[in-house]
PDB file of all heavy atoms in Angstrom:
ATOM      1  N   CYS A   1       3.599 182.483 162.550  1.00  0.00           N
ATOM      2  CA  CYS A   1       4.362 182.777 163.766  1.00  0.00           C
ATOM      3  C   CYS A   1       4.349 184.278 164.028  1.00  0.00           C
ATOM      4  O   CYS A   1       4.802 185.072 163.202  1.00  0.00           O
ATOM      5  CB  CYS A   1       5.793 182.285 163.600  1.00  0.00           C
ATOM      6  SG  CYS A   1       6.897 182.787 164.929  1.00  0.00           S
ATOM      7  N   ILE A   2       3.862 184.668 165.192  1.00  0.00           N
ATOM      8  CA  ILE A   2       3.740 186.095 165.487  1.00  0.00           C
ATOM      9  C   ILE A   2       5.096 186.729 165.750  1.00  0.00           C
ATOM     10  O   ILE A   2       5.265 187.945 165.600  1.00  0.00           O
ATOM     11  CB  ILE A   2       2.763 186.329 166.661  1.00  0.00           C
ATOM     12  CG1 ILE A   2       2.167 187.732 166.566  1.00  0.00           C
ATOM     13  CG2 ILE A   2       3.436 186.051 168.009  1.00  0.00           C
ATOM     14  CD1 ILE A   2       0.920 187.930 167.386  1.00  0.00           C
ATOM     15  N   PHE A   3       6.104 185.917 166.102  1.00  0.00           N
ATOM     16  CA  PHE A   3       7.431 186.470 166.358  1.00  0.00           C
ATOM     17  C   PHE A   3       8.098 186.942 165.070  1.00  0.00           C
ATOM     18  O   PHE A   3       9.027 187.751 165.118  1.00  0.00           O
ATOM     19  CB  PHE A   3       8.308 185.436 167.076  1.00  0.00           C
ATOM     20  CG  PHE A   3       9.305 186.052 168.009  1.00  0.00           C
ATOM     21  CD1 PHE A   3       8.921 186.557 169.231  1.00  0.00           C
ATOM     22  CD2 PHE A   3      10.646 186.120 167.668  1.00  0.00           C
ATOM     23  CE1 PHE A   3       9.832 187.134 170.094  1.00  0.00           C
ATOM     24  CE2 PHE A   3      11.579 186.693 168.526  1.00  0.00           C
ATOM     25  CZ  PHE A   3      11.170 187.199 169.745  1.00  0.00           C
ATOM     26  N   GLU A   4       7.628 186.454 163.904  1.00  0.00           N
ATOM     27  CA  GLU A   4       8.117 186.989 162.631  1.00  0.00           C
ATOM     28  C   GLU A   4       7.859 188.490 162.564  1.00  0.00           C
ATOM     29  O   GLU A   4       8.702 189.259 162.093  1.00  0.00           O
ATOM     30  CB  GLU A   4       7.417 186.296 161.457  1.00  0.00           C
ATOM     31  CG  GLU A   4       7.778 184.835 161.255  1.00  0.00           C
ATOM     32  CD  GLU A   4       9.087 184.639 160.498  1.00  0.00           C
ATOM     33  OE1 GLU A   4       9.681 185.639 160.045  1.00  0.00           O
ATOM     34  OE2 GLU A   4       9.516 183.482 160.383  1.00  0.00           O
ATOM     35  N   PHE A   5       6.691 188.918 163.031  1.00  0.00           N
ATOM     36  CA  PHE A   5       6.311 190.326 162.958  1.00  0.00           C
ATOM     37  C   PHE A   5       6.984 191.152 164.039  1.00  0.00           C
ATOM     38  O   PHE A   5       7.264 192.336 163.852  1.00  0.00           O
ATOM     39  CB  PHE A   5       4.789 190.448 163.045  1.00  0.00           C
ATOM     40  CG  PHE A   5       4.072 189.675 161.977  1.00  0.00           C
ATOM     41  CD1 PHE A   5       3.573 188.409 162.226  1.00  0.00           C
ATOM     42  CD2 PHE A   5       3.945 190.188 160.699  1.00  0.00           C
ATOM     43  CE1 PHE A   5       2.934 187.673 161.239  1.00  0.00           C
ATOM     44  CE2 PHE A   5       3.313 189.468 159.697  1.00  0.00           C
ATOM     45  CZ  PHE A   5       2.809 188.205 159.968  1.00  0.00           C
ATOM     46  N   VAL A   6       7.268 190.531 165.167  1.00  0.00           N
ATOM     47  CA  VAL A   6       7.929 191.232 166.270  1.00  0.00           C
ATOM     48  C   VAL A   6       9.391 191.485 165.938  1.00  0.00           C
ATOM     49  O   VAL A   6       9.905 192.593 166.156  1.00  0.00           O
ATOM     50  CB  VAL A   6       7.815 190.403 167.564  1.00  0.00           C
ATOM     51  CG1 VAL A   6       8.698 190.994 168.668  1.00  0.00           C
ATOM     52  CG2 VAL A   6       6.374 190.345 168.031  1.00  0.00           C
ATOM     53  N   TYR A   7      10.079 190.483 165.407  1.00  0.00           N
ATOM     54  CA  TYR A   7      11.538 190.566 165.343  1.00  0.00           C
ATOM     55  C   TYR A   7      12.175 189.929 164.114  1.00  0.00           C
ATOM     56  O   TYR A   7      13.076 190.495 163.510  1.00  0.00           O
ATOM     57  CB  TYR A   7      12.115 189.902 166.606  1.00  0.00           C
ATOM     58  CG  TYR A   7      13.609 189.710 166.613  1.00  0.00           C
ATOM     59  CD1 TYR A   7      14.471 190.804 166.716  1.00  0.00           C
ATOM     60  CD2 TYR A   7      14.176 188.443 166.508  1.00  0.00           C
ATOM     61  CE1 TYR A   7      15.846 190.637 166.730  1.00  0.00           C
ATOM     62  CE2 TYR A   7      15.555 188.269 166.524  1.00  0.00           C
ATOM     63  CZ  TYR A   7      16.387 189.370 166.633  1.00  0.00           C
ATOM     64  OH  TYR A   7      17.742 189.203 166.648  1.00  0.00           O
ATOM     65  N   LEU A   8      11.717 188.738 163.702  1.00  0.00           N
ATOM     66  CA  LEU A   8      12.488 187.935 162.758  1.00  0.00           C
ATOM     67  C   LEU A   8      12.523 188.518 161.357  1.00  0.00           C
ATOM     68  O   LEU A   8      13.573 188.569 160.720  1.00  0.00           O
ATOM     69  CB  LEU A   8      11.931 186.510 162.704  1.00  0.00           C
ATOM     70  CG  LEU A   8      11.932 185.729 164.021  1.00  0.00           C
ATOM     71  CD1 LEU A   8      11.367 184.331 163.790  1.00  0.00           C
ATOM     72  CD2 LEU A   8      13.334 185.647 164.599  1.00  0.00           C
ATOM     73  N   ALA A   9      11.373 188.920 160.831  1.00  0.00           N
ATOM     74  CA  ALA A   9      11.279 189.327 159.431  1.00  0.00           C
ATOM     75  C   ALA A   9      11.779 190.758 159.230  1.00  0.00           C
ATOM     76  O   ALA A   9      11.767 191.576 160.154  1.00  0.00           O
ATOM     77  CB  ALA A   9       9.836 189.210 158.951  1.00  0.00           C
ATOM     78  N   ARG A  10      12.220 191.032 158.008  1.00  0.00           N
ATOM     79  CA  ARG A  10      12.584 192.408 157.667  1.00  0.00           C
ATOM     80  C   ARG A  10      11.334 193.276 157.618  1.00  0.00           C
ATOM     81  O   ARG A  10      10.264 192.811 157.204  1.00  0.00           O
ATOM     82  CB  ARG A  10      13.295 192.446 156.312  1.00  0.00           C
ATOM     83  CG  ARG A  10      14.783 192.256 156.429  1.00  0.00           C
ATOM     84  CD  ARG A  10      15.533 192.341 155.123  1.00  0.00           C
ATOM     85  NE  ARG A  10      15.150 193.417 154.225  1.00  0.00           N
ATOM     86  CZ  ARG A  10      15.959 193.896 153.269  1.00  0.00           C
ATOM     87  NH1 ARG A  10      17.178 193.402 153.128  1.00  0.00           N
ATOM     88  NH2 ARG A  10      15.545 194.851 152.462  1.00  0.00           N
ATOM     89  N   PRO A  11      11.441 194.550 158.012  1.00  0.00           N
ATOM     90  CA  PRO A  11      10.241 195.401 158.047  1.00  0.00           C
ATOM     91  C   PRO A  11       9.623 195.644 156.681  1.00  0.00           C
ATOM     92  O   PRO A  11       8.424 195.945 156.589  1.00  0.00           O
ATOM     93  CB  PRO A  11      10.746 196.709 158.673  1.00  0.00           C
ATOM     94  CG  PRO A  11      12.230 196.678 158.511  1.00  0.00           C
ATOM     95  CD  PRO A  11      12.622 195.236 158.549  1.00  0.00           C
ATOM     96  N   ASP A  12      10.418 195.496 155.607  1.00  0.00           N
ATOM     97  CA  ASP A  12       9.881 195.743 154.271  1.00  0.00           C
ATOM     98  C   ASP A  12       9.262 194.495 153.652  1.00  0.00           C
ATOM     99  O   ASP A  12       8.921 194.500 152.463  1.00  0.00           O
ATOM    100  CB  ASP A  12      10.944 196.324 153.345  1.00  0.00           C
ATOM    101  CG  ASP A  12      12.291 195.616 153.427  1.00  0.00           C
ATOM    102  OD1 ASP A  12      12.508 194.861 154.392  1.00  0.00           O
ATOM    103  OD2 ASP A  12      13.133 195.829 152.539  1.00  0.00           O
ATOM    104  N   SER A  13       9.090 193.434 154.443  1.00  0.00           N
ATOM    105  CA  SER A  13       8.435 192.228 153.951  1.00  0.00           C
ATOM    106  C   SER A  13       6.936 192.257 154.239  1.00  0.00           C
ATOM    107  O   SER A  13       6.474 192.935 155.163  1.00  0.00           O
ATOM    108  CB  SER A  13       9.047 190.981 154.606  1.00  0.00           C
ATOM    109  OG  SER A  13      10.303 190.679 154.048  1.00  0.00           O
ATOM    110  N   VAL A  14       6.213 191.494 153.439  1.00  0.00           N
ATOM    111  CA  VAL A  14       4.782 191.266 153.647  1.00  0.00           C
ATOM    112  C   VAL A  14       4.590 189.762 153.783  1.00  0.00           C
ATOM    113  O   VAL A  14       4.978 188.993 152.896  1.00  0.00           O
ATOM    114  CB  VAL A  14       3.934 191.813 152.484  1.00  0.00           C
ATOM    115  CG1 VAL A  14       2.456 191.504 152.701  1.00  0.00           C
ATOM    116  CG2 VAL A  14       4.153 193.312 152.335  1.00  0.00           C
ATOM    117  N   ILE A  15       4.024 189.331 154.911  1.00  0.00           N
ATOM    118  CA  ILE A  15       3.840 187.909 155.196  1.00  0.00           C
ATOM    119  C   ILE A  15       2.354 187.635 155.362  1.00  0.00           C
ATOM    120  O   ILE A  15       1.700 188.256 156.206  1.00  0.00           O
ATOM    121  CB  ILE A  15       4.597 187.502 156.472  1.00  0.00           C
ATOM    122  CG1 ILE A  15       6.101 187.699 156.283  1.00  0.00           C
ATOM    123  CG2 ILE A  15       4.298 186.057 156.851  1.00  0.00           C
ATOM    124  CD1 ILE A  15       6.911 187.475 157.548  1.00  0.00           C
ATOM    125  N   ASP A  16       1.821 186.728 154.555  1.00  0.00           N
ATOM    126  CA  ASP A  16       0.401 186.386 154.602  1.00  0.00           C
ATOM    127  C   ASP A  16      -0.482 187.635 154.524  1.00  0.00           C
ATOM    128  O   ASP A  16      -1.472 187.773 155.238  1.00  0.00           O
ATOM    129  CB  ASP A  16       0.091 185.569 155.862  1.00  0.00           C
ATOM    130  CG  ASP A  16       0.761 184.205 155.839  1.00  0.00           C
ATOM    131  OD1 ASP A  16       0.590 183.483 154.840  1.00  0.00           O
ATOM    132  OD2 ASP A  16       1.474 183.868 156.803  1.00  0.00           O
ATOM    133  N   GLY A  17      -0.086 188.535 153.644  1.00  0.00           N
ATOM    134  CA  GLY A  17      -0.856 189.758 153.431  1.00  0.00           C
ATOM    135  C   GLY A  17      -0.715 190.793 154.536  1.00  0.00           C
ATOM    136  O   GLY A  17      -1.479 191.759 154.575  1.00  0.00           O
ATOM    137  N   ILE A  18       0.265 190.624 155.404  1.00  0.00           N
ATOM    138  CA  ILE A  18       0.448 191.524 156.538  1.00  0.00           C
ATOM    139  C   ILE A  18       1.791 192.226 156.404  1.00  0.00           C
ATOM    140  O   ILE A  18       2.845 191.581 156.383  1.00  0.00           O
ATOM    141  CB  ILE A  18       0.391 190.757 157.876  1.00  0.00           C
ATOM    142  CG1 ILE A  18      -0.954 190.036 158.014  1.00  0.00           C
ATOM    143  CG2 ILE A  18       0.615 191.689 159.056  1.00  0.00           C
ATOM    144  CD1 ILE A  18      -1.010 189.097 159.219  1.00  0.00           C
ATOM    145  N   SER A  19       1.774 193.547 156.322  1.00  0.00           N
ATOM    146  CA  SER A  19       3.000 194.329 156.268  1.00  0.00           C
ATOM    147  C   SER A  19       3.693 194.286 157.623  1.00  0.00           C
ATOM    148  O   SER A  19       3.119 194.682 158.640  1.00  0.00           O
ATOM    149  CB  SER A  19       2.686 195.791 155.897  1.00  0.00           C
ATOM    150  OG  SER A  19       3.759 196.640 156.229  1.00  0.00           O
ATOM    151  N   VAL A  20       4.931 193.810 157.640  1.00  0.00           N
ATOM    152  CA  VAL A  20       5.681 193.744 158.893  1.00  0.00           C
ATOM    153  C   VAL A  20       5.893 195.142 159.458  1.00  0.00           C
ATOM    154  O   VAL A  20       5.744 195.370 160.663  1.00  0.00           O
ATOM    155  CB  VAL A  20       7.034 193.027 158.668  1.00  0.00           C
ATOM    156  CG1 VAL A  20       7.879 193.058 159.941  1.00  0.00           C
ATOM    157  CG2 VAL A  20       6.803 191.591 158.213  1.00  0.00           C
ATOM    158  N   TYR A  21       6.203 196.092 158.612  1.00  0.00           N
ATOM    159  CA  TYR A  21       6.437 197.465 159.065  1.00  0.00           C
ATOM    160  C   TYR A  21       5.183 198.055 159.710  1.00  0.00           C
ATOM    161  O   TYR A  21       5.250 198.667 160.790  1.00  0.00           O
ATOM    162  CB  TYR A  21       6.877 198.331 157.884  1.00  0.00           C
ATOM    163  CG  TYR A  21       7.151 199.768 158.249  1.00  0.00           C
ATOM    164  CD1 TYR A  21       8.306 200.118 158.941  1.00  0.00           C
ATOM    165  CD2 TYR A  21       6.255 200.776 157.901  1.00  0.00           C
ATOM    166  CE1 TYR A  21       8.560 201.440 159.275  1.00  0.00           C
ATOM    167  CE2 TYR A  21       6.505 202.097 158.230  1.00  0.00           C
ATOM    168  CZ  TYR A  21       7.660 202.431 158.918  1.00  0.00           C
ATOM    169  OH  TYR A  21       7.906 203.738 159.254  1.00  0.00           O
ATOM    170  N   GLU A  22       4.046 197.835 159.059  1.00  0.00           N
ATOM    171  CA  GLU A  22       2.807 198.406 159.602  1.00  0.00           C
ATOM    172  C   GLU A  22       2.457 197.787 160.952  1.00  0.00           C
ATOM    173  O   GLU A  22       1.991 198.471 161.855  1.00  0.00           O
ATOM    174  CB  GLU A  22       1.651 198.212 158.619  1.00  0.00           C
ATOM    175  CG  GLU A  22       0.389 198.957 159.033  1.00  0.00           C
ATOM    176  CD  GLU A  22      -0.682 198.956 157.966  1.00  0.00           C
ATOM    177  OE1 GLU A  22      -0.419 198.475 156.835  1.00  0.00           O
ATOM    178  OE2 GLU A  22      -1.799 199.432 158.246  1.00  0.00           O
ATOM    179  N   THR A  23       2.717 196.494 161.110  1.00  0.00           N
ATOM    180  CA  THR A  23       2.429 195.876 162.412  1.00  0.00           C
ATOM    181  C   THR A  23       3.301 196.496 163.497  1.00  0.00           C
ATOM    182  O   THR A  23       2.841 196.707 164.626  1.00  0.00           O
ATOM    183  CB  THR A  23       2.668 194.350 162.388  1.00  0.00           C
ATOM    184  OG1 THR A  23       4.039 194.068 162.135  1.00  0.00           O
ATOM    185  CG2 THR A  23       1.804 193.682 161.352  1.00  0.00           C
ATOM    186  N   ARG A  24       4.545 196.798 163.181  1.00  0.00           N
ATOM    187  CA  ARG A  24       5.436 197.366 164.191  1.00  0.00           C
ATOM    188  C   ARG A  24       5.039 198.791 164.552  1.00  0.00           C
ATOM    189  O   ARG A  24       5.194 199.214 165.706  1.00  0.00           O
ATOM    190  CB  ARG A  24       6.889 197.275 163.712  1.00  0.00           C
ATOM    191  CG  ARG A  24       7.355 195.817 163.658  1.00  0.00           C
ATOM    192  CD  ARG A  24       8.769 195.628 163.145  1.00  0.00           C
ATOM    193  NE  ARG A  24       9.064 194.193 163.051  1.00  0.00           N
ATOM    194  CZ  ARG A  24      10.146 193.679 162.492  1.00  0.00           C
ATOM    195  NH1 ARG A  24      11.074 194.483 161.976  1.00  0.00           N
ATOM    196  NH2 ARG A  24      10.328 192.359 162.454  1.00  0.00           N
ATOM    197  N   LEU A  25       4.521 199.530 163.590  1.00  0.00           N
ATOM    198  CA  LEU A  25       3.966 200.846 163.918  1.00  0.00           C
ATOM    199  C   LEU A  25       2.806 200.713 164.891  1.00  0.00           C
ATOM    200  O   LEU A  25       2.706 201.446 165.891  1.00  0.00           O
ATOM    201  CB  LEU A  25       3.504 201.556 162.653  1.00  0.00           C
ATOM    202  CG  LEU A  25       4.573 201.998 161.655  1.00  0.00           C
ATOM    203  CD1 LEU A  25       3.911 202.621 160.427  1.00  0.00           C
ATOM    204  CD2 LEU A  25       5.556 202.979 162.282  1.00  0.00           C
ATOM    205  N   ARG A  26       1.926 199.762 164.624  1.00  0.00           N
ATOM    206  CA  ARG A  26       0.758 199.582 165.487  1.00  0.00           C
ATOM    207  C   ARG A  26       1.141 199.045 166.864  1.00  0.00           C
ATOM    208  O   ARG A  26       0.479 199.357 167.854  1.00  0.00           O
ATOM    209  CB  ARG A  26      -0.257 198.674 164.793  1.00  0.00           C
ATOM    210  CG  ARG A  26      -0.744 199.287 163.481  1.00  0.00           C
ATOM    211  CD  ARG A  26      -1.977 198.641 162.926  1.00  0.00           C
ATOM    212  NE  ARG A  26      -2.333 199.255 161.647  1.00  0.00           N
ATOM    213  CZ  ARG A  26      -3.474 199.071 161.023  1.00  0.00           C
ATOM    214  NH1 ARG A  26      -4.401 198.280 161.544  1.00  0.00           N
ATOM    215  NH2 ARG A  26      -3.723 199.667 159.869  1.00  0.00           N
ATOM    216  N   MET A  27       2.203 198.254 166.932  1.00  0.00           N
ATOM    217  CA  MET A  27       2.707 197.828 168.239  1.00  0.00           C
ATOM    218  C   MET A  27       3.113 199.042 169.074  1.00  0.00           C
ATOM    219  O   MET A  27       2.875 199.084 170.285  1.00  0.00           O
ATOM    220  CB  MET A  27       3.905 196.890 168.061  1.00  0.00           C
ATOM    221  CG  MET A  27       3.561 195.525 167.507  1.00  0.00           C
ATOM    222  SD  MET A  27       5.098 194.585 167.173  1.00  0.00           S
ATOM    223  CE  MET A  27       4.495 193.420 165.943  1.00  0.00           C
ATOM    224  N   GLY A  28       3.749 199.992 168.429  1.00  0.00           N
ATOM    225  CA  GLY A  28       4.134 201.214 169.136  1.00  0.00           C
ATOM    226  C   GLY A  28       2.938 201.993 169.635  1.00  0.00           C
ATOM    227  O   GLY A  28       2.948 202.535 170.753  1.00  0.00           O
ATOM    228  N   GLU A  29       1.885 202.043 168.828  1.00  0.00           N
ATOM    229  CA  GLU A  29       0.681 202.771 169.232  1.00  0.00           C
ATOM    230  C   GLU A  29       0.018 202.118 170.439  1.00  0.00           C
ATOM    231  O   GLU A  29      -0.358 202.807 171.404  1.00  0.00           O
ATOM    232  CB  GLU A  29      -0.295 202.829 168.059  1.00  0.00           C
ATOM    233  CG  GLU A  29       0.192 203.681 166.900  1.00  0.00           C
ATOM    234  CD  GLU A  29      -0.728 203.597 165.692  1.00  0.00           C
ATOM    235  OE1 GLU A  29      -1.699 202.793 165.747  1.00  0.00           O
ATOM    236  OE2 GLU A  29      -0.484 204.307 164.714  1.00  0.00           O
TER     237      GLU A  29
END
């Protein structure tokens, strides 16, 4: 679920090998 990375999950989590925090940085870029 892509909404996990947008909002649901904590930024310090890693889901399916994907850092939530890093995805949010890239969303900003």
